[in-house]
Amino acid sequence: MNNDIFEKLKAIAVNDIGIDADKIKPESVIIEDLGLDSLDMVDMLMKVEETFGVTIDDGDVAEMRTVADVVDFIEGAIA
């Protein structure tokens, strides 16, 4: 897992969504552990697309359960 991407994603979650930084770990389950609802998830993914210059399709979102899944997706998309 790319630590630079993780740290940028963590900054988005803390600064834009308001998640407690201590809760954000690679293994954190996005909905259960971080408490994101569907609107928070859409907001975060829009910020991710803007920050990393990637496009996230609905099918990709369905596969993203953990923070590490999102990091891995971004890493693959920008490679």
N, C-alpha and C. Protein backbone atom coordinates (compact mmCIF):
# COMPACT_ATOMS: atom_id res chain seq x y z
N MET A 1 0.84 -1.19 0.00
CA MET A 1 0.00 0.00 0.00
C MET A 1 0.88 1.25 0.00
N ASN A 2 0.50 2.21 -0.81
CA ASN A 2 1.25 3.45 -0.95
C ASN A 2 0.92 4.39 0.22
N ASN A 3 1.91 4.66 1.05
CA ASN A 3 1.69 5.49 2.24
C ASN A 3 1.38 6.94 1.90
N ASP A 4 1.95 7.47 0.81
CA ASP A 4 1.66 8.86 0.42
C ASP A 4 0.18 9.01 0.07
N ILE A 5 -0.35 8.04 -0.69
CA ILE A 5 -1.76 8.07 -1.05
C ILE A 5 -2.62 7.94 0.20
N PHE A 6 -2.23 7.03 1.10
CA PHE A 6 -2.97 6.86 2.35
C PHE A 6 -3.03 8.17 3.14
N GLU A 7 -1.91 8.86 3.26
CA GLU A 7 -1.88 10.10 4.03
C GLU A 7 -2.73 11.19 3.39
N LYS A 8 -2.73 11.27 2.06
CA LYS A 8 -3.58 12.25 1.37
C LYS A 8 -5.05 11.91 1.55
N LEU A 9 -5.38 10.61 1.46
CA LEU A 9 -6.75 10.17 1.66
C LEU A 9 -7.20 10.45 3.10
N LYS A 10 -6.32 10.21 4.03
CA LYS A 10 -6.61 10.49 5.44
C LYS A 10 -6.87 11.98 5.65
N ALA A 11 -6.07 12.82 5.01
CA ALA A 11 -6.27 14.27 5.13
C ALA A 11 -7.63 14.69 4.58
N ILE A 12 -8.05 14.08 3.47
CA ILE A 12 -9.37 14.38 2.91
C ILE A 12 -10.45 13.99 3.92
N ALA A 13 -10.32 12.79 4.48
CA ALA A 13 -11.32 12.29 5.43
C ALA A 13 -11.41 13.17 6.67
N VAL A 14 -10.27 13.65 7.16
CA VAL A 14 -10.25 14.48 8.37
C VAL A 14 -10.71 15.90 8.06
N ASN A 15 -10.12 16.53 7.05
CA ASN A 15 -10.37 17.94 6.78
C ASN A 15 -11.69 18.22 6.08
N ASP A 16 -12.09 17.34 5.16
CA ASP A 16 -13.29 17.61 4.37
C ASP A 16 -14.53 16.89 4.89
N ILE A 17 -14.35 15.73 5.48
CA ILE A 17 -15.49 14.95 5.93
C ILE A 17 -15.68 15.05 7.45
N GLY A 18 -14.60 15.34 8.18
CA GLY A 18 -14.69 15.52 9.63
C GLY A 18 -14.54 14.25 10.44
N ILE A 19 -13.85 13.26 9.89
CA ILE A 19 -13.62 12.00 10.59
C ILE A 19 -12.44 12.17 11.54
N ASP A 20 -12.53 11.58 12.71
CA ASP A 20 -11.45 11.58 13.69
C ASP A 20 -10.24 10.84 13.11
N ALA A 21 -9.10 11.49 13.07
CA ALA A 21 -7.89 10.92 12.46
C ALA A 21 -7.50 9.60 13.10
N ASP A 22 -7.76 9.43 14.39
CA ASP A 22 -7.38 8.19 15.08
C ASP A 22 -8.17 6.97 14.58
N LYS A 23 -9.33 7.21 13.97
CA LYS A 23 -10.14 6.11 13.47
C LYS A 23 -9.67 5.60 12.11
N ILE A 24 -8.86 6.39 11.41
CA ILE A 24 -8.52 6.07 10.02
C ILE A 24 -7.25 5.24 9.96
N LYS A 25 -7.46 3.98 9.64
CA LYS A 25 -6.37 3.02 9.48
C LYS A 25 -6.61 2.28 8.17
N PRO A 26 -5.59 1.67 7.58
CA PRO A 26 -5.81 0.96 6.32
C PRO A 26 -6.91 -0.09 6.41
N GLU A 27 -7.01 -0.75 7.55
CA GLU A 27 -7.99 -1.83 7.69
C GLU A 27 -9.38 -1.33 8.10
N SER A 28 -9.54 -0.03 8.31
CA SER A 28 -10.83 0.53 8.71
C SER A 28 -11.88 0.29 7.62
N VAL A 29 -13.03 -0.25 8.04
CA VAL A 29 -14.16 -0.44 7.13
C VAL A 29 -14.86 0.91 7.03
N ILE A 30 -15.02 1.38 5.80
CA ILE A 30 -15.46 2.75 5.56
C ILE A 30 -16.80 3.07 6.23
N ILE A 31 -17.79 2.24 6.04
CA ILE A 31 -19.11 2.55 6.58
C ILE A 31 -19.19 2.24 8.07
N GLU A 32 -18.76 1.04 8.46
CA GLU A 32 -18.91 0.65 9.86
C GLU A 32 -17.94 1.38 10.79
N ASP A 33 -16.65 1.37 10.47
CA ASP A 33 -15.64 1.94 11.38
C ASP A 33 -15.57 3.46 11.33
N LEU A 34 -15.76 4.02 10.13
CA LEU A 34 -15.62 5.48 9.99
C LEU A 34 -16.95 6.20 10.08
N GLY A 35 -18.05 5.45 9.99
CA GLY A 35 -19.38 6.04 10.15
C GLY A 35 -19.83 6.90 8.98
N LEU A 36 -19.30 6.67 7.80
CA LEU A 36 -19.73 7.45 6.64
C LEU A 36 -21.11 7.00 6.18
N ASP A 37 -21.97 7.96 5.89
CA ASP A 37 -23.23 7.62 5.25
C ASP A 37 -23.04 7.80 3.74
N SER A 38 -24.07 7.57 2.96
CA SER A 38 -23.92 7.61 1.51
C SER A 38 -23.52 9.00 1.01
N LEU A 39 -24.03 10.05 1.62
CA LEU A 39 -23.65 11.41 1.20
C LEU A 39 -22.20 11.71 1.52
N ASP A 40 -21.73 11.28 2.69
CA ASP A 40 -20.32 11.46 3.04
C ASP A 40 -19.43 10.72 2.05
N MET A 41 -19.86 9.49 1.69
CA MET A 41 -19.08 8.68 0.77
C MET A 41 -18.97 9.36 -0.60
N VAL A 42 -20.07 9.89 -1.10
CA VAL A 42 -20.06 10.60 -2.38
C VAL A 42 -19.15 11.81 -2.29
N ASP A 43 -19.26 12.57 -1.21
CA ASP A 43 -18.42 13.76 -1.02
C ASP A 43 -16.94 13.37 -1.00
N MET A 44 -16.61 12.33 -0.25
CA MET A 44 -15.22 11.90 -0.17
C MET A 44 -14.71 11.43 -1.53
N LEU A 45 -15.51 10.67 -2.25
CA LEU A 45 -15.06 10.17 -3.54
C LEU A 45 -14.89 11.28 -4.56
N MET A 46 -15.73 12.31 -4.47
CA MET A 46 -15.55 13.48 -5.35
C MET A 46 -14.22 14.18 -5.05
N LYS A 47 -13.90 14.30 -3.77
CA LYS A 47 -12.62 14.91 -3.38
C LYS A 47 -11.45 14.04 -3.85
N VAL A 48 -11.61 12.72 -3.75
CA VAL A 48 -10.56 11.80 -4.21
C VAL A 48 -10.35 11.97 -5.72
N GLU A 49 -11.44 12.03 -6.48
CA GLU A 49 -11.33 12.21 -7.93
C GLU A 49 -10.61 13.51 -8.25
N GLU A 50 -10.98 14.57 -7.55
CA GLU A 50 -10.38 15.89 -7.77
C GLU A 50 -8.90 15.90 -7.37
N THR A 51 -8.58 15.33 -6.24
CA THR A 51 -7.21 15.36 -5.71
C THR A 51 -6.26 14.51 -6.54
N PHE A 52 -6.72 13.32 -6.93
CA PHE A 52 -5.82 12.37 -7.59
C PHE A 52 -6.00 12.32 -9.10
N GLY A 53 -7.01 13.03 -9.65
CA GLY A 53 -7.24 13.04 -11.09
C GLY A 53 -7.68 11.68 -11.62
N VAL A 54 -8.49 10.98 -10.84
CA VAL A 54 -9.00 9.68 -11.26
C VAL A 54 -10.52 9.74 -11.39
N THR A 55 -11.07 8.76 -12.08
CA THR A 55 -12.52 8.63 -12.18
C THR A 55 -12.92 7.34 -11.49
N ILE A 56 -13.90 7.43 -10.62
CA ILE A 56 -14.36 6.27 -9.86
C ILE A 56 -15.77 5.93 -10.30
N ASP A 57 -15.94 4.77 -10.93
CA ASP A 57 -17.25 4.33 -11.40
C ASP A 57 -18.02 3.67 -10.26
N ASP A 58 -19.34 3.56 -10.43
CA ASP A 58 -20.17 2.93 -9.40
C ASP A 58 -19.72 1.51 -9.10
N GLY A 59 -19.31 0.78 -10.12
CA GLY A 59 -18.83 -0.59 -9.92
C GLY A 59 -17.58 -0.63 -9.05
N ASP A 60 -16.73 0.37 -9.21
CA ASP A 60 -15.51 0.44 -8.39
C ASP A 60 -15.86 0.74 -6.94
N VAL A 61 -16.83 1.61 -6.73
CA VAL A 61 -17.24 1.98 -5.38
C VAL A 61 -17.76 0.76 -4.62
N ALA A 62 -18.50 -0.09 -5.31
CA ALA A 62 -19.07 -1.27 -4.67
C ALA A 62 -18.00 -2.21 -4.12
N GLU A 63 -16.79 -2.14 -4.68
CA GLU A 63 -15.71 -3.02 -4.24
C GLU A 63 -14.85 -2.39 -3.13
N MET A 64 -15.12 -1.15 -2.79
CA MET A 64 -14.31 -0.44 -1.79
C MET A 64 -14.94 -0.57 -0.41
N ARG A 65 -14.44 -1.52 0.37
CA ARG A 65 -14.95 -1.71 1.74
C ARG A 65 -14.07 -1.04 2.78
N THR A 66 -12.76 -1.09 2.56
CA THR A 66 -11.83 -0.56 3.54
C THR A 66 -11.06 0.63 2.97
N VAL A 67 -10.40 1.34 3.86
CA VAL A 67 -9.54 2.45 3.43
C VAL A 67 -8.45 1.92 2.49
N ALA A 68 -7.89 0.76 2.80
CA ALA A 68 -6.85 0.17 1.95
C ALA A 68 -7.38 -0.12 0.55
N ASP A 69 -8.64 -0.53 0.44
CA ASP A 69 -9.24 -0.76 -0.88
C ASP A 69 -9.24 0.53 -1.71
N VAL A 70 -9.56 1.64 -1.09
CA VAL A 70 -9.58 2.93 -1.78
C VAL A 70 -8.15 3.30 -2.20
N VAL A 71 -7.20 3.13 -1.30
CA VAL A 71 -5.79 3.43 -1.61
C VAL A 71 -5.32 2.56 -2.78
N ASP A 72 -5.63 1.27 -2.74
CA ASP A 72 -5.22 0.37 -3.82
C ASP A 72 -5.84 0.77 -5.15
N PHE A 73 -7.12 1.18 -5.12
CA PHE A 73 -7.77 1.63 -6.35
C PHE A 73 -7.05 2.85 -6.92
N ILE A 74 -6.79 3.83 -6.07
CA ILE A 74 -6.12 5.06 -6.52
C ILE A 74 -4.75 4.72 -7.09
N GLU A 75 -4.02 3.88 -6.38
CA GLU A 75 -2.68 3.50 -6.82
C GLU A 75 -2.73 2.85 -8.20
N GLY A 76 -3.69 1.97 -8.42
CA GLY A 76 -3.83 1.32 -9.72
C GLY A 76 -4.26 2.29 -10.80
N ALA A 77 -5.12 3.24 -10.45
CA ALA A 77 -5.65 4.18 -11.43
C ALA A 77 -4.61 5.19 -11.90
N ILE A 78 -3.68 5.55 -11.04
CA ILE A 78 -2.68 6.54 -11.42
C ILE A 78 -1.38 5.93 -11.91
N ALA A 79 -1.29 4.60 -11.85
CA ALA A 79 -0.05 3.92 -12.28
C ALA A 79 0.12 3.98 -13.79
